[in-house]
Amino acid sequence: MDLPPHVPEQARQHLERAYSAQMGGRLEEAIELYKQSIAVSPTAEAHTFLGWVYSMQRRWDEAIAECHRAIAVDPEFGNPYNDIGAYLIQLGRFEEAILWLERAKQAVRYEPRHYPHINLSHIHVIRNDIDAAVRELRAAIQIEPRHESARRELHRLLGMLN
């Protein structure tokens, strides 16, 4: 995990342990560890990942709030913009989601940069705008050619156009 160099070691350790707990399905433990990391040194990463845990629990408002906190800490970090867009898609708030996903595309510091395109393609499919969905998936694949689910979805959508 690439954190800014000024982040204290203790905050890094809490963040790494939190991420490990999250990936292991220990969500409550992850929440506490992310909060401990934030208490030592607030980072956009810790807020964003805490929001991700909340989203896994379908706590959408809290997830979005953590992403806003992440943006306040580091507006150049792109992940929270994409994540807000993804959470708004879950809530059916597509117009708002589009704005956040477009901002994610422009973020200075962001990996994996192909996700906003994939998320935008989902909105276009829901709206039955297959041409726009195809454009977004092509952009995603140009950024990350090995993204198999994007390649499969592009193939499926191209089949619908023929």
N, C-alpha and C. Protein backbone atom coordinates (compact mmCIF):
# COMPACT_ATOMS: atom_id res chain seq x y z
N MET A 1 0.85 -1.17 0.00
CA MET A 1 0.00 0.00 0.00
C MET A 1 0.90 1.24 0.00
N ASP A 2 0.71 2.10 -0.99
CA ASP A 2 1.53 3.30 -1.12
C ASP A 2 0.92 4.44 -0.32
N LEU A 3 1.53 4.74 0.80
CA LEU A 3 1.11 5.86 1.62
C LEU A 3 2.11 6.99 1.47
N PRO A 4 1.66 8.22 1.68
CA PRO A 4 2.62 9.33 1.64
C PRO A 4 3.75 9.10 2.65
N PRO A 5 4.94 9.59 2.36
CA PRO A 5 6.09 9.31 3.21
C PRO A 5 5.99 9.89 4.62
N HIS A 6 5.16 10.91 4.81
CA HIS A 6 5.05 11.54 6.13
C HIS A 6 4.20 10.74 7.13
N VAL A 7 3.54 9.67 6.68
CA VAL A 7 2.66 8.90 7.56
C VAL A 7 3.50 8.13 8.58
N PRO A 8 3.21 8.31 9.88
CA PRO A 8 3.98 7.61 10.92
C PRO A 8 3.85 6.09 10.82
N GLU A 9 4.88 5.41 11.24
CA GLU A 9 4.92 3.95 11.16
C GLU A 9 3.74 3.30 11.90
N GLN A 10 3.38 3.84 13.04
CA GLN A 10 2.26 3.26 13.81
C GLN A 10 0.96 3.32 13.00
N ALA A 11 0.71 4.43 12.32
CA ALA A 11 -0.48 4.55 11.48
C ALA A 11 -0.44 3.55 10.34
N ARG A 12 0.74 3.38 9.75
CA ARG A 12 0.92 2.41 8.67
C ARG A 12 0.60 1.00 9.16
N GLN A 13 1.11 0.66 10.32
CA GLN A 13 0.90 -0.68 10.86
C GLN A 13 -0.58 -0.94 11.13
N HIS A 14 -1.27 0.04 11.72
CA HIS A 14 -2.71 -0.13 11.95
C HIS A 14 -3.44 -0.31 10.62
N LEU A 15 -3.04 0.48 9.63
CA LEU A 15 -3.69 0.40 8.32
C LEU A 15 -3.48 -0.96 7.67
N GLU A 16 -2.27 -1.46 7.73
CA GLU A 16 -1.98 -2.78 7.15
C GLU A 16 -2.74 -3.89 7.87
N ARG A 17 -2.79 -3.81 9.20
CA ARG A 17 -3.54 -4.81 9.97
C ARG A 17 -5.04 -4.71 9.68
N ALA A 18 -5.53 -3.49 9.52
CA ALA A 18 -6.94 -3.29 9.20
C ALA A 18 -7.28 -3.91 7.85
N TYR A 19 -6.43 -3.66 6.87
CA TYR A 19 -6.66 -4.19 5.53
C TYR A 19 -6.65 -5.72 5.57
N SER A 20 -5.73 -6.29 6.30
CA SER A 20 -5.66 -7.75 6.44
C SER A 20 -6.92 -8.29 7.10
N ALA A 21 -7.38 -7.61 8.14
CA ALA A 21 -8.62 -8.03 8.81
C ALA A 21 -9.80 -7.93 7.84
N GLN A 22 -9.85 -6.86 7.08
CA GLN A 22 -10.93 -6.67 6.11
C GLN A 22 -10.93 -7.79 5.08
N MET A 23 -9.76 -8.08 4.52
CA MET A 23 -9.67 -9.13 3.51
C MET A 23 -9.99 -10.50 4.11
N GLY A 24 -9.78 -10.65 5.41
CA GLY A 24 -10.11 -11.90 6.09
C GLY A 24 -11.55 -11.96 6.55
N GLY A 25 -12.34 -10.93 6.23
CA GLY A 25 -13.75 -10.93 6.59
C GLY A 25 -14.04 -10.50 8.02
N ARG A 26 -13.02 -10.02 8.72
CA ARG A 26 -13.19 -9.58 10.11
C ARG A 26 -13.46 -8.07 10.08
N LEU A 27 -14.69 -7.73 9.71
CA LEU A 27 -15.01 -6.34 9.42
C LEU A 27 -15.01 -5.45 10.66
N GLU A 28 -15.53 -5.92 11.77
CA GLU A 28 -15.54 -5.09 12.98
C GLU A 28 -14.11 -4.80 13.45
N GLU A 29 -13.26 -5.80 13.37
CA GLU A 29 -11.84 -5.60 13.71
C GLU A 29 -11.21 -4.59 12.77
N ALA A 30 -11.52 -4.71 11.49
CA ALA A 30 -10.98 -3.78 10.49
C ALA A 30 -11.42 -2.35 10.80
N ILE A 31 -12.68 -2.17 11.15
CA ILE A 31 -13.19 -0.83 11.47
C ILE A 31 -12.38 -0.22 12.61
N GLU A 32 -12.18 -0.98 13.65
CA GLU A 32 -11.44 -0.47 14.81
C GLU A 32 -9.99 -0.13 14.44
N LEU A 33 -9.37 -0.97 13.64
CA LEU A 33 -7.98 -0.73 13.25
C LEU A 33 -7.86 0.48 12.31
N TYR A 34 -8.80 0.64 11.40
CA TYR A 34 -8.77 1.83 10.54
C TYR A 34 -8.94 3.08 11.40
N LYS A 35 -9.85 3.03 12.37
CA LYS A 35 -10.04 4.18 13.26
C LYS A 35 -8.78 4.47 14.07
N GLN A 36 -8.08 3.43 14.48
CA GLN A 36 -6.82 3.63 15.21
C GLN A 36 -5.78 4.29 14.31
N SER A 37 -5.71 3.86 13.06
CA SER A 37 -4.79 4.47 12.12
C SER A 37 -5.11 5.95 11.94
N ILE A 38 -6.38 6.25 11.78
CA ILE A 38 -6.83 7.64 11.60
C ILE A 38 -6.51 8.47 12.84
N ALA A 39 -6.67 7.87 14.02
CA ALA A 39 -6.37 8.60 15.26
C ALA A 39 -4.89 8.98 15.35
N VAL A 40 -4.03 8.11 14.85
CA VAL A 40 -2.59 8.40 14.86
C VAL A 40 -2.26 9.45 13.80
N SER A 41 -2.79 9.26 12.60
CA SER A 41 -2.50 10.17 11.49
C SER A 41 -3.56 9.98 10.41
N PRO A 42 -4.50 10.92 10.30
CA PRO A 42 -5.55 10.77 9.28
C PRO A 42 -4.96 10.72 7.87
N THR A 43 -5.31 9.70 7.13
CA THR A 43 -4.89 9.59 5.73
C THR A 43 -6.12 9.36 4.86
N ALA A 44 -6.01 9.77 3.62
CA ALA A 44 -7.10 9.53 2.68
C ALA A 44 -7.33 8.04 2.51
N GLU A 45 -6.24 7.27 2.56
CA GLU A 45 -6.35 5.82 2.39
C GLU A 45 -7.15 5.19 3.51
N ALA A 46 -6.85 5.54 4.76
CA ALA A 46 -7.56 4.94 5.89
C ALA A 46 -9.03 5.30 5.86
N HIS A 47 -9.35 6.56 5.56
CA HIS A 47 -10.76 6.96 5.48
C HIS A 47 -11.47 6.22 4.34
N THR A 48 -10.79 6.12 3.18
CA THR A 48 -11.40 5.45 2.03
C THR A 48 -11.66 3.97 2.34
N PHE A 49 -10.67 3.31 2.93
CA PHE A 49 -10.83 1.88 3.22
C PHE A 49 -11.84 1.65 4.33
N LEU A 50 -11.92 2.56 5.30
CA LEU A 50 -12.97 2.46 6.31
C LEU A 50 -14.34 2.58 5.63
N GLY A 51 -14.45 3.49 4.69
CA GLY A 51 -15.69 3.60 3.92
C GLY A 51 -16.01 2.32 3.17
N TRP A 52 -14.97 1.68 2.65
CA TRP A 52 -15.16 0.43 1.92
C TRP A 52 -15.73 -0.65 2.85
N VAL A 53 -15.23 -0.71 4.08
CA VAL A 53 -15.77 -1.68 5.05
C VAL A 53 -17.24 -1.37 5.31
N TYR A 54 -17.55 -0.10 5.52
CA TYR A 54 -18.95 0.27 5.75
C TYR A 54 -19.82 -0.14 4.56
N SER A 55 -19.29 0.02 3.35
CA SER A 55 -20.07 -0.37 2.17
C SER A 55 -20.30 -1.89 2.15
N MET A 56 -19.34 -2.64 2.64
CA MET A 56 -19.51 -4.09 2.70
C MET A 56 -20.62 -4.48 3.67
N GLN A 57 -20.91 -3.57 4.60
CA GLN A 57 -21.99 -3.76 5.55
C GLN A 57 -23.27 -3.05 5.11
N ARG A 58 -23.23 -2.50 3.89
CA ARG A 58 -24.36 -1.76 3.31
C ARG A 58 -24.72 -0.51 4.12
N ARG A 59 -23.72 0.06 4.76
CA ARG A 59 -23.87 1.30 5.53
C ARG A 59 -23.45 2.46 4.62
N TRP A 60 -24.29 2.72 3.61
CA TRP A 60 -23.94 3.61 2.51
C TRP A 60 -23.63 5.03 2.96
N ASP A 61 -24.45 5.60 3.84
CA ASP A 61 -24.22 6.97 4.27
C ASP A 61 -22.88 7.12 4.98
N GLU A 62 -22.55 6.16 5.83
CA GLU A 62 -21.27 6.20 6.54
C GLU A 62 -20.11 6.00 5.56
N ALA A 63 -20.30 5.13 4.58
CA ALA A 63 -19.26 4.90 3.58
C ALA A 63 -18.98 6.18 2.80
N ILE A 64 -20.04 6.84 2.37
CA ILE A 64 -19.89 8.09 1.61
C ILE A 64 -19.25 9.17 2.48
N ALA A 65 -19.65 9.23 3.75
CA ALA A 65 -19.07 10.23 4.65
C ALA A 65 -17.56 10.03 4.81
N GLU A 66 -17.13 8.78 4.92
CA GLU A 66 -15.68 8.51 5.04
C GLU A 66 -14.95 8.93 3.77
N CYS A 67 -15.57 8.72 2.63
CA CYS A 67 -14.93 9.15 1.38
C CYS A 67 -14.80 10.67 1.31
N HIS A 68 -15.81 11.37 1.81
CA HIS A 68 -15.71 12.84 1.86
C HIS A 68 -14.57 13.26 2.78
N ARG A 69 -14.40 12.55 3.89
CA ARG A 69 -13.29 12.84 4.80
C ARG A 69 -11.95 12.57 4.09
N ALA A 70 -11.89 11.50 3.33
CA ALA A 70 -10.67 11.17 2.58
C ALA A 70 -10.32 12.29 1.60
N ILE A 71 -11.31 12.80 0.91
CA ILE A 71 -11.10 13.87 -0.05
C ILE A 71 -10.62 15.15 0.66
N ALA A 72 -11.16 15.40 1.84
CA ALA A 72 -10.74 16.57 2.62
C ALA A 72 -9.27 16.46 3.01
N VAL A 73 -8.82 15.23 3.31
CA VAL A 73 -7.42 15.01 3.68
C VAL A 73 -6.51 15.12 2.46
N ASP A 74 -6.92 14.55 1.33
CA ASP A 74 -6.09 14.56 0.13
C ASP A 74 -6.97 14.57 -1.12
N PRO A 75 -7.29 15.76 -1.65
CA PRO A 75 -8.17 15.85 -2.82
C PRO A 75 -7.60 15.24 -4.09
N GLU A 76 -6.30 14.92 -4.10
CA GLU A 76 -5.69 14.32 -5.29
C GLU A 76 -5.81 12.81 -5.32
N PHE A 77 -6.23 12.20 -4.22
CA PHE A 77 -6.37 10.74 -4.13
C PHE A 77 -7.69 10.35 -4.78
N GLY A 78 -7.64 9.57 -5.84
CA GLY A 78 -8.81 9.30 -6.66
C GLY A 78 -9.78 8.25 -6.16
N ASN A 79 -9.31 7.32 -5.34
CA ASN A 79 -10.17 6.22 -4.92
C ASN A 79 -11.49 6.66 -4.29
N PRO A 80 -11.50 7.65 -3.39
CA PRO A 80 -12.78 7.99 -2.78
C PRO A 80 -13.79 8.57 -3.76
N TYR A 81 -13.33 9.23 -4.81
CA TYR A 81 -14.26 9.74 -5.82
C TYR A 81 -14.97 8.57 -6.51
N ASN A 82 -14.19 7.57 -6.92
CA ASN A 82 -14.77 6.40 -7.55
C ASN A 82 -15.69 5.67 -6.58
N ASP A 83 -15.25 5.54 -5.34
CA ASP A 83 -16.05 4.80 -4.37
C ASP A 83 -17.38 5.49 -4.11
N ILE A 84 -17.39 6.82 -3.98
CA ILE A 84 -18.66 7.53 -3.82
C ILE A 84 -19.57 7.21 -5.01
N GLY A 85 -19.00 7.26 -6.22
CA GLY A 85 -19.80 6.93 -7.40
C GLY A 85 -20.37 5.53 -7.33
N ALA A 86 -19.55 4.57 -6.92
CA ALA A 86 -20.01 3.18 -6.82
C ALA A 86 -21.12 3.04 -5.77
N TYR A 87 -20.98 3.74 -4.65
CA TYR A 87 -22.01 3.65 -3.60
C TYR A 87 -23.30 4.31 -4.07
N LEU A 88 -23.19 5.41 -4.79
CA LEU A 88 -24.39 6.06 -5.31
C LEU A 88 -25.09 5.19 -6.35
N ILE A 89 -24.33 4.42 -7.12
CA ILE A 89 -24.95 3.47 -8.04
C ILE A 89 -25.79 2.47 -7.25
N GLN A 90 -25.25 1.97 -6.15
CA GLN A 90 -25.99 1.02 -5.30
C GLN A 90 -27.29 1.63 -4.79
N LEU A 91 -27.28 2.94 -4.59
CA LEU A 91 -28.46 3.64 -4.10
C LEU A 91 -29.39 4.10 -5.22
N GLY A 92 -29.01 3.81 -6.47
CA GLY A 92 -29.84 4.20 -7.61
C GLY A 92 -29.76 5.69 -7.94
N ARG A 93 -28.76 6.37 -7.45
CA ARG A 93 -28.59 7.81 -7.66
C ARG A 93 -27.56 8.03 -8.78
N PHE A 94 -27.99 7.70 -9.99
CA PHE A 94 -27.07 7.63 -11.12
C PHE A 94 -26.49 8.97 -11.54
N GLU A 95 -27.31 10.02 -11.56
CA GLU A 95 -26.80 11.34 -11.98
C GLU A 95 -25.69 11.81 -11.06
N GLU A 96 -25.89 11.66 -9.76
CA GLU A 96 -24.85 12.02 -8.80
C GLU A 96 -23.61 11.14 -9.00
N ALA A 97 -23.84 9.87 -9.22
CA ALA A 97 -22.73 8.93 -9.40
C ALA A 97 -21.86 9.33 -10.58
N ILE A 98 -22.47 9.73 -11.67
CA ILE A 98 -21.72 10.11 -12.87
C ILE A 98 -20.75 11.25 -12.55
N LEU A 99 -21.22 12.23 -11.81
CA LEU A 99 -20.35 13.36 -11.47
C LEU A 99 -19.11 12.91 -10.70
N TRP A 100 -19.29 12.02 -9.73
CA TRP A 100 -18.17 11.54 -8.93
C TRP A 100 -17.23 10.66 -9.75
N LEU A 101 -17.79 9.84 -10.62
CA LEU A 101 -16.96 8.96 -11.44
C LEU A 101 -16.13 9.76 -12.44
N GLU A 102 -16.71 10.82 -12.96
CA GLU A 102 -15.95 11.69 -13.88
C GLU A 102 -14.81 12.38 -13.12
N ARG A 103 -15.06 12.75 -11.88
CA ARG A 103 -13.99 13.36 -11.07
C ARG A 103 -12.89 12.33 -10.80
N ALA A 104 -13.28 11.08 -10.57
CA ALA A 104 -12.28 10.02 -10.34
C ALA A 104 -11.35 9.89 -11.55
N LYS A 105 -11.91 9.99 -12.74
CA LYS A 105 -11.09 9.87 -13.96
C LYS A 105 -10.00 10.94 -14.00
N GLN A 106 -10.28 12.10 -13.41
CA GLN A 106 -9.35 13.23 -13.47
C GLN A 106 -8.37 13.27 -12.30
N ALA A 107 -8.53 12.40 -11.33
CA ALA A 107 -7.70 12.45 -10.12
C ALA A 107 -6.23 12.26 -10.45
N VAL A 108 -5.40 12.99 -9.75
CA VAL A 108 -3.95 12.96 -9.98
C VAL A 108 -3.36 11.64 -9.49
N ARG A 109 -3.72 11.25 -8.29
CA ARG A 109 -3.12 10.06 -7.65
C ARG A 109 -4.21 9.01 -7.52
N TYR A 110 -4.19 8.06 -8.48
CA TYR A 110 -5.27 7.07 -8.48
C TYR A 110 -4.86 5.81 -9.20
N GLU A 111 -4.95 4.72 -8.51
CA GLU A 111 -4.85 3.38 -9.07
C GLU A 111 -5.92 2.56 -8.36
N PRO A 112 -6.65 1.81 -9.03
CA PRO A 112 -6.69 1.42 -10.44
C PRO A 112 -7.58 2.36 -11.26
N ARG A 113 -6.98 3.03 -12.19
CA ARG A 113 -7.62 4.11 -12.94
C ARG A 113 -8.75 3.63 -13.87
N HIS A 114 -8.86 2.35 -14.12
CA HIS A 114 -9.90 1.86 -15.03
C HIS A 114 -11.27 1.70 -14.36
N TYR A 115 -11.33 1.68 -13.03
CA TYR A 115 -12.60 1.43 -12.35
C TYR A 115 -13.70 2.46 -12.63
N PRO A 116 -13.41 3.76 -12.68
CA PRO A 116 -14.53 4.67 -12.98
C PRO A 116 -15.17 4.39 -14.33
N HIS A 117 -14.37 3.97 -15.30
CA HIS A 117 -14.92 3.63 -16.61
C HIS A 117 -15.86 2.43 -16.50
N ILE A 118 -15.44 1.43 -15.75
CA ILE A 118 -16.28 0.24 -15.57
C ILE A 118 -17.57 0.62 -14.86
N ASN A 119 -17.46 1.43 -13.81
CA ASN A 119 -18.66 1.84 -13.09
C ASN A 119 -19.60 2.67 -13.97
N LEU A 120 -19.02 3.55 -14.77
CA LEU A 120 -19.87 4.31 -15.70
C LEU A 120 -20.54 3.40 -16.71
N SER A 121 -19.84 2.35 -17.14
CA SER A 121 -20.47 1.42 -18.09
C SER A 121 -21.70 0.77 -17.47
N HIS A 122 -21.66 0.48 -16.17
CA HIS A 122 -22.82 -0.11 -15.49
C HIS A 122 -24.03 0.83 -15.57
N ILE A 123 -23.79 2.10 -15.34
CA ILE A 123 -24.89 3.08 -15.42
C ILE A 123 -25.45 3.10 -16.83
N HIS A 124 -24.58 3.12 -17.83
CA HIS A 124 -25.06 3.17 -19.22
C HIS A 124 -25.85 1.92 -19.59
N VAL A 125 -25.43 0.76 -19.09
CA VAL A 125 -26.18 -0.46 -19.35
C VAL A 125 -27.57 -0.37 -18.71
N ILE A 126 -27.63 0.09 -17.48
CA ILE A 126 -28.92 0.24 -16.79
C ILE A 126 -29.83 1.16 -17.58
N ARG A 127 -29.26 2.19 -18.17
CA ARG A 127 -30.03 3.16 -18.96
C ARG A 127 -30.22 2.71 -20.41
N ASN A 128 -29.73 1.54 -20.73
CA ASN A 128 -29.85 0.97 -22.07
C ASN A 128 -29.14 1.82 -23.13
N ASP A 129 -28.06 2.48 -22.73
CA ASP A 129 -27.21 3.22 -23.66
C ASP A 129 -25.97 2.36 -23.91
N ILE A 130 -26.14 1.37 -24.75
CA ILE A 130 -25.10 0.37 -24.97
C ILE A 130 -23.87 0.98 -25.63
N ASP A 131 -24.07 1.93 -26.56
CA ASP A 131 -22.93 2.57 -27.21
C ASP A 131 -22.03 3.26 -26.18
N ALA A 132 -22.63 3.98 -25.25
CA ALA A 132 -21.84 4.66 -24.22
C ALA A 132 -21.14 3.66 -23.31
N ALA A 133 -21.84 2.58 -22.98
CA ALA A 133 -21.23 1.54 -22.14
C ALA A 133 -20.02 0.93 -22.84
N VAL A 134 -20.14 0.67 -24.14
CA VAL A 134 -19.04 0.12 -24.92
C VAL A 134 -17.85 1.08 -24.90
N ARG A 135 -18.11 2.38 -25.08
CA ARG A 135 -17.02 3.37 -25.05
C ARG A 135 -16.28 3.33 -23.71
N GLU A 136 -17.02 3.27 -22.62
CA GLU A 136 -16.39 3.24 -21.29
C GLU A 136 -15.58 1.96 -21.09
N LEU A 137 -16.12 0.84 -21.53
CA LEU A 137 -15.39 -0.43 -21.37
C LEU A 137 -14.14 -0.45 -22.23
N ARG A 138 -14.23 0.09 -23.42
CA ARG A 138 -13.01 0.17 -24.26
C ARG A 138 -11.95 1.03 -23.58
N ALA A 139 -12.37 2.12 -22.97
CA ALA A 139 -11.41 2.98 -22.25
C ALA A 139 -10.81 2.23 -21.07
N ALA A 140 -11.63 1.46 -20.34
CA ALA A 140 -11.14 0.68 -19.20
C ALA A 140 -10.10 -0.34 -19.66
N ILE A 141 -10.40 -1.03 -20.75
CA ILE A 141 -9.50 -2.07 -21.24
C ILE A 141 -8.22 -1.47 -21.81
N GLN A 142 -8.31 -0.28 -22.37
CA GLN A 142 -7.09 0.38 -22.84
C GLN A 142 -6.16 0.67 -21.65
N ILE A 143 -6.75 1.03 -20.51
CA ILE A 143 -5.95 1.30 -19.31
C ILE A 143 -5.46 0.00 -18.69
N GLU A 144 -6.34 -0.99 -18.61
CA GLU A 144 -5.99 -2.27 -17.96
C GLU A 144 -6.44 -3.43 -18.86
N PRO A 145 -5.59 -3.81 -19.82
CA PRO A 145 -5.96 -4.84 -20.80
C PRO A 145 -6.25 -6.21 -20.19
N ARG A 146 -5.77 -6.49 -19.00
CA ARG A 146 -5.96 -7.81 -18.39
C ARG A 146 -7.24 -7.93 -17.57
N HIS A 147 -8.08 -6.90 -17.55
CA HIS A 147 -9.30 -6.95 -16.74
C HIS A 147 -10.33 -7.83 -17.46
N GLU A 148 -10.37 -9.08 -17.05
CA GLU A 148 -11.17 -10.09 -17.77
C GLU A 148 -12.67 -9.82 -17.72
N SER A 149 -13.20 -9.40 -16.59
CA SER A 149 -14.65 -9.18 -16.54
C SER A 149 -15.05 -8.01 -17.44
N ALA A 150 -14.21 -6.99 -17.56
CA ALA A 150 -14.49 -5.89 -18.47
C ALA A 150 -14.46 -6.38 -19.91
N ARG A 151 -13.51 -7.25 -20.22
CA ARG A 151 -13.41 -7.80 -21.58
C ARG A 151 -14.65 -8.65 -21.91
N ARG A 152 -15.07 -9.46 -20.95
CA ARG A 152 -16.28 -10.28 -21.17
C ARG A 152 -17.52 -9.41 -21.36
N GLU A 153 -17.65 -8.39 -20.53
CA GLU A 153 -18.81 -7.50 -20.64
C GLU A 153 -18.79 -6.75 -21.97
N LEU A 154 -17.62 -6.29 -22.40
CA LEU A 154 -17.52 -5.63 -23.70
C LEU A 154 -17.95 -6.58 -24.81
N HIS A 155 -17.47 -7.81 -24.76
CA HIS A 155 -17.85 -8.80 -25.77
C HIS A 155 -19.37 -9.02 -25.77
N ARG A 156 -19.95 -9.13 -24.59
CA ARG A 156 -21.41 -9.33 -24.47
C ARG A 156 -22.17 -8.14 -25.08
N LEU A 157 -21.72 -6.92 -24.76
CA LEU A 157 -22.41 -5.74 -25.25
C LEU A 157 -22.24 -5.57 -26.76
N LEU A 158 -21.05 -5.88 -27.28
CA LEU A 158 -20.85 -5.81 -28.72
C LEU A 158 -21.78 -6.78 -29.45
N GLY A 159 -22.01 -7.93 -28.83
CA GLY A 159 -22.95 -8.89 -29.40
C GLY A 159 -24.36 -8.35 -29.46
N MET A 160 -24.72 -7.52 -28.51
CA MET A 160 -26.06 -6.91 -28.50
C MET A 160 -26.22 -5.88 -29.62
N LEU A 161 -25.10 -5.27 -30.01
CA LEU A 161 -25.16 -4.24 -31.04
C LEU A 161 -25.28 -4.82 -32.45
N ASN A 162 -24.88 -6.08 -32.61
CA ASN A 162 -24.91 -6.69 -33.95
C ASN A 162 -26.27 -7.24 -34.30
